[in-house]
Amino acid sequence: MRILKLTPAVEKKLLRARQERDREAERVVAEIIADVRKRGDAALIDYAKKFDGINLRREGIWISSKEIRAARKKVSTDFVKAITQASRNIRRVAEKQLPQPWSIEVEPGVKISQRVSAIESVGCYIPGGHFALVSTLLMTAIPAQVAGVPRIQVVCPGSNDSLLAAVDFLGVGRIARIGGAQAIAALAYGTKSISRVEKIFGPGNKYVTAAKQLVSGDCAIDLPAGPTEAIVVAAEGNPRWIAADLLAQAEHAEDAASFFVTTSRALAQQVQREVQWQLGEVPARMALFSTKLAGGILVANSLDQACEFVNRFGPEHLSLPTNFQELLRKITSSGTIFLGRWGAQPLGDYATGSNHVLPTGGWARKRGGLSSADFVKCISVQTIARKGFLRLADTVETLAESEGLLAHRNAVRVRR
């Protein structure tokens, strides 16, 4: 993991690199999406064999209820206990986040109210990769259930006993063994086997993220949640713990980006040594840090400069293990923030209850992470009595006339 001086040129290169990866992915997935729209299930079958080594002709696109029930019996009691606790916390947070109906009389005879209605159908994309992410199922399906979504479709290219047991535990129903851009296309446009949905949720690699963005004109998406990003900012602290947090997120994929930003070159060197040492302890599948600035250690001139970089980068995860009250006031852009030295990032990935589907690629500058509010529609209802109409008529006629919209003015005037 390289140590670099945080300069304007280095920052520019880092930010530009993320955009270049997205544009490349778009070119790849555009053909896949077009093919799925044209050939439907046949395309899904071909891509499953090509990319995931799955024979859908033999195994079927949907995993059977028999397989799901069998998987539930294979998992340990410790696993069931773990997803029970994690699910409880996720559900509690989702219930708190859910928008509530309300009503207000803005003027006598003019009442505005809000209805909260669940989206009719959603697709939950669960990354497969080396292992199916059980936690992502919890983070997407539970908020959907809290919101009251009637139809939830789950897809994952690499289901295992743990994921299937979690599907059974949550009562989601069934899950399709498809992934990648082809799964996003199937959810967005539908095939003979996969029904189209109103909105797609869940993180994925750069191809999945690009696919979600390309279909977003026809099917709503939650947010661009692509390759994992993590930043730790500290001028002092435990180098072993800092290195462990960086490697935890880098484990997701080769294009994951983990950065340590510090004002201390000595601490930078200690963390660099710890990263190398811990790389020797973790499994061989650990993603290596890119030599093209996908991750690294950045030495800033000051903590103010470090925070300014964070805000421009807009990371998915941010850890402030020390001086966090001072630093937190300066942070305006991050998907989620961990405060204090005990805030190990994996706690949020699994069990704190805060959602781990978070904006990447700089989108944290524009929006926050996933919540149950993303699974509902807030519909405004306007109830206007005669006395309310009369109180507003002159105002509306004047404003409509100022815009040259005389039919708008007339719709009010004819009621007088």
Protein backbone atom coordinates (compact mmCIF):
# COMPACT_ATOMS: atom_id res chain seq x y z
CA MET A 1 0.00 0.00 0.00
CA ARG A 2 1.75 3.15 -1.21
CA ILE A 3 2.28 6.31 0.79
CA LEU A 4 1.56 9.46 -1.23
CA LYS A 5 1.59 13.13 -0.47
CA LEU A 6 -1.96 14.48 -0.72
CA THR A 7 -1.55 17.09 -3.44
CA PRO A 8 -4.11 18.62 -5.83
CA ALA A 9 -2.67 16.46 -8.63
CA VAL A 10 -3.03 13.24 -6.62
CA GLU A 11 -6.57 14.15 -5.61
CA LYS A 12 -7.53 14.95 -9.20
CA LYS A 13 -6.17 11.61 -10.37
CA LEU A 14 -8.10 9.73 -7.70
CA LEU A 15 -11.40 11.40 -8.53
CA ARG A 16 -10.92 11.02 -12.27
CA ALA A 17 -10.09 7.31 -11.94
CA ARG A 18 -13.52 6.53 -10.50
CA GLN A 19 -15.32 8.18 -13.40
CA GLU A 20 -13.18 6.39 -15.97
CA ARG A 21 -14.09 3.01 -14.50
CA ASP A 22 -17.79 3.83 -14.68
CA ARG A 23 -17.62 4.84 -18.35
CA GLU A 24 -15.80 1.66 -19.25
CA ALA A 25 -18.37 -0.46 -17.45
CA GLU A 26 -21.23 1.26 -19.26
CA ARG A 27 -19.88 0.16 -22.62
CA VAL A 28 -19.72 -3.45 -21.47
CA VAL A 29 -23.14 -3.68 -19.88
CA ALA A 30 -25.06 -1.82 -22.59
CA GLU A 31 -24.74 -4.85 -24.88
CA ILE A 32 -25.78 -7.23 -22.11
CA ILE A 33 -28.89 -5.20 -21.30
CA ALA A 34 -29.89 -5.02 -24.96
CA ASP A 35 -29.40 -8.77 -25.31
CA VAL A 36 -31.56 -9.58 -22.27
CA ARG A 37 -34.29 -7.29 -23.57
CA LYS A 38 -34.17 -9.09 -26.90
CA ARG A 39 -33.70 -12.74 -25.88
CA GLY A 40 -35.02 -12.83 -22.32
CA ASP A 41 -34.45 -16.09 -20.45
CA ALA A 42 -32.19 -17.44 -23.20
CA ALA A 43 -29.77 -14.58 -22.58
CA LEU A 44 -29.91 -15.14 -18.82
CA ILE A 45 -29.05 -18.81 -19.35
CA ASP A 46 -26.10 -17.99 -21.60
CA TYR A 47 -24.66 -15.33 -19.28
CA ALA A 48 -25.07 -17.49 -16.18
CA LYS A 49 -22.96 -20.17 -17.83
CA LYS A 50 -20.40 -17.70 -19.18
CA PHE A 51 -19.87 -15.54 -16.10
CA ASP A 52 -20.96 -17.68 -13.14
CA GLY A 53 -20.52 -21.26 -14.35
CA ILE A 54 -24.18 -22.05 -13.59
CA ASN A 55 -26.27 -24.31 -15.81
CA LEU A 56 -29.70 -22.76 -15.53
CA ARG A 57 -31.18 -25.21 -18.03
CA ARG A 58 -30.49 -27.98 -15.56
CA GLU A 59 -30.88 -26.18 -12.25
CA GLY A 60 -33.61 -23.70 -13.13
CA ILE A 61 -33.61 -19.92 -12.81
CA TRP A 62 -35.50 -19.98 -9.52
CA ILE A 63 -34.23 -21.90 -6.51
CA SER A 64 -36.89 -24.31 -5.32
CA SER A 65 -38.60 -24.09 -1.94
CA LYS A 66 -37.26 -27.58 -1.25
CA GLU A 67 -33.67 -26.34 -1.62
CA ILE A 68 -34.41 -23.38 0.63
CA ARG A 69 -35.93 -25.53 3.37
CA ALA A 70 -33.02 -27.95 3.17
CA ALA A 71 -30.53 -25.12 3.54
CA ARG A 72 -32.29 -23.85 6.67
CA LYS A 73 -31.63 -27.21 8.32
CA LYS A 74 -27.91 -27.12 7.51
CA VAL A 75 -26.93 -23.83 9.13
CA SER A 76 -25.70 -23.64 12.71
CA THR A 77 -27.64 -22.34 15.68
CA ASP A 78 -24.97 -19.62 16.00
CA PHE A 79 -25.79 -18.43 12.48
CA VAL A 80 -29.51 -18.28 13.26
CA LYS A 81 -28.75 -16.39 16.47
CA ALA A 82 -26.57 -13.92 14.54
CA ILE A 83 -29.14 -13.12 11.85
CA THR A 84 -31.82 -12.87 14.52
CA GLN A 85 -29.91 -10.16 16.36
CA ALA A 86 -28.84 -8.36 13.18
CA SER A 87 -32.37 -8.50 11.76
CA ARG A 88 -33.83 -7.09 14.95
CA ASN A 89 -31.50 -4.08 14.84
CA ILE A 90 -32.03 -3.47 11.12
CA ARG A 91 -35.79 -3.66 11.60
CA ARG A 92 -35.73 -1.21 14.52
CA VAL A 93 -33.77 1.35 12.50
CA ALA A 94 -35.96 0.85 9.42
CA GLU A 95 -39.11 1.40 11.48
CA LYS A 96 -37.66 4.65 12.81
CA GLN A 97 -36.76 5.82 9.30
CA LEU A 98 -40.15 5.09 7.74
CA PRO A 99 -42.02 8.29 6.75
CA GLN A 100 -45.29 8.80 8.59
CA PRO A 101 -48.66 10.06 7.40
CA TRP A 102 -49.50 13.60 8.51
CA SER A 103 -52.05 16.31 7.93
CA ILE A 104 -51.94 20.10 8.28
CA GLU A 105 -54.42 22.88 7.64
CA VAL A 106 -52.28 25.54 5.95
CA GLU A 107 -55.20 28.00 5.82
CA PRO A 108 -58.84 27.72 6.84
CA GLY A 109 -60.41 25.40 4.31
CA VAL A 110 -57.10 24.20 2.83
CA LYS A 111 -55.81 20.92 4.19
CA ILE A 112 -52.68 19.12 2.95
CA SER A 113 -51.99 15.57 4.05
CA GLN A 114 -49.40 12.92 3.26
CA ARG A 115 -50.17 9.32 2.46
CA VAL A 116 -47.36 6.79 2.69
CA SER A 117 -47.76 3.97 0.21
CA ALA A 118 -45.37 1.08 -0.39
CA ILE A 119 -43.84 0.56 -3.81
CA GLU A 120 -45.72 -2.35 -5.41
CA SER A 121 -42.72 -4.48 -6.41
CA VAL A 122 -38.97 -4.35 -5.81
CA GLY A 123 -35.93 -6.35 -6.81
CA CYS A 124 -33.18 -7.03 -4.27
CA TYR A 125 -29.79 -7.64 -5.85
CA ILE A 126 -27.46 -9.70 -3.64
CA PRO A 127 -23.80 -9.71 -4.72
CA GLY A 128 -22.35 -13.19 -5.24
CA GLY A 129 -18.64 -12.82 -5.83
CA HIS A 130 -16.57 -15.11 -3.62
CA PHE A 131 -19.46 -15.48 -1.16
CA ALA A 132 -23.12 -14.51 -1.28
CA LEU A 133 -23.64 -11.51 0.99
CA VAL A 134 -26.27 -12.58 3.51
CA SER A 135 -26.03 -9.14 5.10
CA THR A 136 -27.21 -7.45 1.90
CA LEU A 137 -30.33 -9.61 1.90
CA LEU A 138 -31.09 -8.38 5.40
CA MET A 139 -30.31 -4.76 4.49
CA THR A 140 -32.64 -4.73 1.47
CA ALA A 141 -35.43 -7.18 2.27
CA ILE A 142 -36.09 -6.03 5.84
CA PRO A 143 -36.66 -2.34 4.97
CA ALA A 144 -38.90 -3.52 2.13
CA GLN A 145 -40.92 -5.60 4.59
CA VAL A 146 -41.11 -2.73 7.07
CA ALA A 147 -42.39 -0.50 4.27
CA GLY A 148 -45.03 -3.09 3.35
CA VAL A 149 -43.82 -3.91 -0.17
CA PRO A 150 -46.14 -6.72 -1.38
CA ARG A 151 -43.80 -8.31 -3.94
CA ILE A 152 -40.08 -8.76 -3.30
CA GLN A 153 -37.90 -10.53 -5.87
CA VAL A 154 -34.39 -11.54 -4.80
CA VAL A 155 -31.57 -12.41 -7.20
CA CYS A 156 -28.05 -13.67 -6.51
CA PRO A 157 -25.57 -15.45 -8.79
CA GLY A 158 -23.92 -17.50 -6.05
CA SER A 159 -26.42 -18.60 -3.43
CA ASN A 160 -25.24 -20.80 -0.57
CA ASP A 161 -26.84 -22.46 2.46
CA SER A 162 -26.45 -19.35 4.61
CA LEU A 163 -28.17 -17.09 2.10
CA LEU A 164 -30.97 -19.55 1.45
CA ALA A 165 -31.48 -20.03 5.18
CA ALA A 166 -31.76 -16.26 5.56
CA VAL A 167 -34.32 -16.16 2.72
CA ASP A 168 -36.36 -18.72 4.64
CA PHE A 169 -35.84 -16.91 7.96
CA LEU A 170 -37.15 -13.64 6.52
CA GLY A 171 -40.02 -15.29 4.70
CA VAL A 172 -39.05 -13.60 1.44
CA GLY A 173 -40.27 -16.53 -0.62
CA ARG A 174 -37.87 -17.42 -3.38
CA ILE A 175 -34.65 -16.34 -5.00
CA ALA A 176 -33.31 -16.48 -8.56
CA ARG A 177 -29.78 -17.70 -9.29
CA ILE A 178 -28.83 -14.87 -11.64
CA GLY A 179 -26.50 -11.90 -11.20
CA GLY A 180 -24.52 -9.22 -12.95
CA ALA A 181 -25.83 -6.73 -15.47
CA GLN A 182 -28.08 -9.45 -16.90
CA ALA A 183 -29.97 -9.72 -13.60
CA ILE A 184 -30.45 -5.97 -13.46
CA ALA A 185 -31.81 -6.01 -17.01
CA ALA A 186 -34.19 -8.86 -16.17
CA LEU A 187 -35.55 -7.02 -13.12
CA ALA A 188 -35.92 -3.78 -15.06
CA TYR A 189 -37.59 -5.14 -18.19
CA GLY A 190 -38.81 -8.61 -17.29
CA THR A 191 -38.41 -11.98 -18.98
CA LYS A 192 -40.64 -15.04 -19.14
CA SER A 193 -39.32 -16.18 -15.74
CA ILE A 194 -38.51 -12.86 -14.07
CA SER A 195 -41.26 -10.31 -13.56
CA ARG A 196 -40.26 -6.67 -14.00
CA VAL A 197 -40.19 -4.57 -10.84
CA GLU A 198 -40.78 -0.92 -10.08
CA LYS A 199 -37.45 -0.36 -8.31
CA ILE A 200 -34.13 -2.18 -7.94
CA PHE A 201 -32.11 -2.23 -4.73
CA GLY A 202 -28.72 -3.50 -3.67
CA PRO A 203 -25.00 -2.94 -4.23
CA GLY A 204 -22.77 -4.60 -6.78
CA ASN A 205 -19.54 -4.32 -8.71
CA LYS A 206 -18.90 -1.60 -11.28
CA TYR A 207 -20.84 -3.53 -13.94
CA VAL A 208 -23.90 -3.91 -11.75
CA THR A 209 -23.73 -0.24 -10.81
CA ALA A 210 -23.40 0.81 -14.46
CA ALA A 211 -26.33 -1.43 -15.40
CA LYS A 212 -28.52 0.12 -12.70
CA GLN A 213 -27.72 3.58 -13.96
CA LEU A 214 -28.43 2.63 -17.58
CA VAL A 215 -31.86 1.14 -16.80
CA SER A 216 -32.82 3.96 -14.41
CA GLY A 217 -34.72 5.76 -17.15
CA ASP A 218 -37.17 2.85 -17.27
CA CYS A 219 -36.94 1.37 -13.77
CA ALA A 220 -36.21 3.25 -10.56
CA ILE A 221 -33.04 2.39 -8.63
CA ASP A 222 -32.03 2.99 -5.05
CA LEU A 223 -28.61 4.61 -5.50
CA PRO A 224 -25.28 3.94 -7.22
CA ALA A 225 -23.78 1.47 -4.74
CA GLY A 226 -20.78 0.10 -6.58
CA PRO A 227 -17.25 -0.94 -5.63
CA THR A 228 -16.63 -0.43 -1.93
CA GLU A 229 -14.87 2.68 -0.65
CA ALA A 230 -13.43 3.35 2.79
CA ILE A 231 -11.48 6.23 4.27
CA VAL A 232 -9.93 6.43 7.72
CA VAL A 233 -8.81 9.88 8.91
CA ALA A 234 -6.52 10.11 11.93
CA ALA A 235 -3.41 11.92 13.11
CA GLU A 236 -2.86 9.32 15.83
CA GLY A 237 -4.25 5.95 16.78
CA ASN A 238 -3.71 2.21 16.76
CA PRO A 239 -2.05 1.30 13.42
CA ARG A 240 -3.14 -2.32 13.69
CA TRP A 241 -6.78 -1.40 14.05
CA ILE A 242 -6.58 1.18 11.26
CA ALA A 243 -5.01 -1.35 8.90
CA ALA A 244 -7.65 -3.92 9.79
CA ASP A 245 -10.47 -1.51 8.85
CA LEU A 246 -8.82 -0.71 5.53
CA LEU A 247 -8.40 -4.38 4.65
CA ALA A 248 -11.93 -5.25 5.74
CA GLN A 249 -13.38 -3.14 2.92
CA ALA A 250 -10.64 -4.01 0.42
CA GLU A 251 -11.67 -7.64 0.84
CA HIS A 252 -14.81 -7.09 -1.23
CA ALA A 253 -13.20 -6.77 -4.65
CA GLU A 254 -10.07 -5.86 -6.53
CA ASP A 255 -11.48 -2.45 -7.41
CA ALA A 256 -12.39 -1.60 -3.81
CA ALA A 257 -10.79 1.65 -2.68
CA SER A 258 -9.40 1.97 0.86
CA PHE A 259 -7.54 5.10 1.97
CA PHE A 260 -5.84 6.18 5.15
CA VAL A 261 -5.49 9.96 5.36
CA THR A 262 -3.19 11.28 8.05
CA THR A 263 -0.95 14.20 8.94
CA SER A 264 1.63 11.89 10.52
CA ARG A 265 4.20 10.27 8.22
CA ALA A 266 5.31 8.06 11.10
CA LEU A 267 1.77 6.72 11.58
CA ALA A 268 1.47 6.33 7.80
CA GLN A 269 4.54 4.09 7.80
CA GLN A 270 3.24 2.07 10.75
CA VAL A 271 -0.09 1.49 9.04
CA GLN A 272 1.71 0.55 5.81
CA ARG A 273 3.70 -2.13 7.67
CA GLU A 274 0.55 -3.39 9.39
CA VAL A 275 -1.27 -3.71 6.08
CA GLN A 276 1.53 -5.81 4.64
CA TRP A 277 1.70 -7.96 7.75
CA GLN A 278 -2.06 -8.53 7.89
CA LEU A 279 -2.17 -9.35 4.19
CA GLY A 280 -0.05 -12.34 5.04
CA GLU A 281 -2.63 -13.47 7.62
CA VAL A 282 -5.82 -13.20 5.59
CA PRO A 283 -6.98 -15.68 2.90
CA ALA A 284 -5.46 -15.52 -0.57
CA ARG A 285 -8.70 -14.13 -1.98
CA MET A 286 -7.99 -10.80 -0.29
CA ALA A 287 -8.03 -8.11 -2.95
CA LEU A 288 -4.61 -6.54 -3.48
CA PHE A 289 -4.37 -2.80 -3.34
CA SER A 290 -4.20 -1.32 -6.79
CA THR A 291 -1.02 0.29 -8.06
CA LYS A 292 -3.25 2.73 -9.97
CA LEU A 293 -4.36 4.68 -6.90
CA ALA A 294 -7.46 2.60 -6.16
CA GLY A 295 -6.25 2.70 -2.56
CA GLY A 296 -3.37 4.07 -0.58
CA ILE A 297 -2.08 6.12 2.33
CA LEU A 298 -2.29 9.87 1.86
CA VAL A 299 -0.27 12.30 3.93
CA ALA A 300 -2.04 15.65 4.30
CA ASN A 301 -0.62 18.95 5.45
CA SER A 302 -3.39 19.34 8.03
CA LEU A 303 -6.57 17.71 9.28
CA ASP A 304 -8.49 20.52 7.60
CA GLN A 305 -7.01 19.48 4.26
CA ALA A 306 -7.84 15.85 5.05
CA CYS A 307 -11.49 16.74 5.74
CA GLU A 308 -11.70 18.83 2.58
CA PHE A 309 -10.48 15.83 0.60
CA VAL A 310 -13.08 13.59 2.28
CA ASN A 311 -15.88 15.99 1.37
CA ARG A 312 -14.82 16.15 -2.27
CA PHE A 313 -14.34 12.38 -2.45
CA GLY A 314 -17.65 11.59 -0.75
CA PRO A 315 -16.67 8.12 0.51
CA GLU A 316 -19.03 5.26 1.19
CA HIS A 317 -17.48 4.58 4.61
CA LEU A 318 -15.58 7.02 6.81
CA SER A 319 -13.90 6.25 10.13
CA LEU A 320 -12.82 8.92 12.60
CA PRO A 321 -11.16 6.91 15.38
CA THR A 322 -9.70 9.93 17.22
CA ASN A 323 -10.57 13.61 17.60
CA PHE A 324 -13.90 12.67 16.11
CA GLN A 325 -16.00 15.43 17.67
CA GLU A 326 -13.73 18.06 16.13
CA LEU A 327 -13.49 16.32 12.76
CA LEU A 328 -17.17 15.40 12.52
CA ARG A 329 -18.15 19.09 12.41
CA LYS A 330 -16.07 19.48 9.26
CA ILE A 331 -17.50 16.49 7.37
CA THR A 332 -20.38 17.12 4.97
CA SER A 333 -20.18 14.14 2.61
CA SER A 334 -20.07 10.44 3.51
CA GLY A 335 -22.38 7.48 3.18
CA THR A 336 -21.86 6.53 6.81
CA ILE A 337 -19.48 7.64 9.55
CA PHE A 338 -17.95 5.54 12.33
CA LEU A 339 -16.88 7.45 15.42
CA GLY A 340 -14.31 6.34 17.97
CA ARG A 341 -11.72 3.63 18.07
CA TRP A 342 -14.27 0.89 18.75
CA GLY A 343 -16.21 1.72 15.58
CA ALA A 344 -14.97 -1.17 13.48
CA GLN A 345 -16.55 -0.78 10.04
CA PRO A 346 -17.78 -4.41 9.83
CA LEU A 347 -20.12 -3.70 12.77
CA GLY A 348 -22.08 -1.45 10.44
CA ASP A 349 -21.82 -3.93 7.59
CA TYR A 350 -23.69 -6.52 9.61
CA ALA A 351 -25.37 -5.72 12.86
CA THR A 352 -25.65 -2.14 14.13
CA GLY A 353 -28.92 -1.73 12.23
CA SER A 354 -27.67 1.14 10.08
CA ASN A 355 -28.05 0.17 6.44
CA HIS A 356 -24.90 -0.90 4.59
CA VAL A 357 -26.24 -0.13 1.11
CA LEU A 358 -24.48 3.19 0.68
CA PRO A 359 -23.65 5.65 -2.11
CA THR A 360 -20.31 5.23 -3.87
CA GLY A 361 -18.49 6.99 -6.69
CA GLY A 362 -18.99 10.39 -5.08
CA TRP A 363 -22.77 10.09 -4.76
CA ALA A 364 -22.45 10.65 -1.01
CA ARG A 365 -22.06 14.30 -1.94
CA LYS A 366 -25.69 14.22 -3.10
CA ARG A 367 -27.55 11.70 -0.95
CA GLY A 368 -27.37 9.35 2.02
CA GLY A 369 -27.60 5.60 2.32
CA LEU A 370 -30.54 3.26 1.86
CA SER A 371 -33.47 3.46 4.27
CA SER A 372 -37.03 2.23 4.51
CA ALA A 373 -38.07 5.60 3.07
CA ASP A 374 -36.68 4.44 -0.28
CA PHE A 375 -39.33 1.70 -0.42
CA VAL A 376 -42.36 3.96 -0.16
CA LYS A 377 -44.05 6.74 -2.07
CA CYS A 378 -45.13 9.84 -0.17
CA ILE A 379 -48.32 11.03 -1.87
CA SER A 380 -49.67 14.48 -1.12
CA VAL A 381 -53.45 14.84 -0.80
CA GLN A 382 -55.05 18.29 -1.09
CA THR A 383 -58.50 18.90 0.36
CA ILE A 384 -59.89 22.35 -0.48
CA ALA A 385 -63.22 23.65 0.79
CA ARG A 386 -65.09 26.66 -0.65
CA LYS A 387 -63.72 29.04 1.96
CA GLY A 388 -60.22 27.80 1.23
CA PHE A 389 -60.76 28.31 -2.50
CA LEU A 390 -61.89 31.88 -1.95
CA ARG A 391 -58.85 32.65 0.23
CA LEU A 392 -56.45 31.45 -2.49
CA ALA A 393 -58.26 32.46 -5.69
CA ASP A 394 -56.85 35.99 -6.03
CA THR A 395 -53.28 34.81 -5.33
CA VAL A 396 -53.48 32.01 -7.89
CA GLU A 397 -55.04 34.17 -10.59
CA THR A 398 -52.33 36.80 -10.13
CA LEU A 399 -49.49 34.30 -10.27
CA ALA A 400 -50.97 32.41 -13.24
CA GLU A 401 -51.39 35.66 -15.17
CA SER A 402 -47.78 36.65 -14.42
CA GLU A 403 -46.65 33.44 -16.10
CA GLY A 404 -48.96 33.87 -19.07
CA LEU A 405 -50.91 30.73 -18.20
CA LEU A 406 -54.39 32.03 -18.79
CA ALA A 407 -56.07 28.62 -18.78
CA HIS A 408 -54.75 28.16 -15.24
CA ARG A 409 -56.30 31.53 -14.30
CA ASN A 410 -59.57 30.58 -15.98
CA ALA A 411 -59.86 27.25 -14.08
CA VAL A 412 -60.00 29.36 -10.91
CA ARG A 413 -62.07 32.22 -12.30
CA VAL A 414 -64.92 30.03 -13.59
CA ARG A 415 -65.50 28.75 -10.05
CA ARG A 416 -66.15 32.17 -8.54
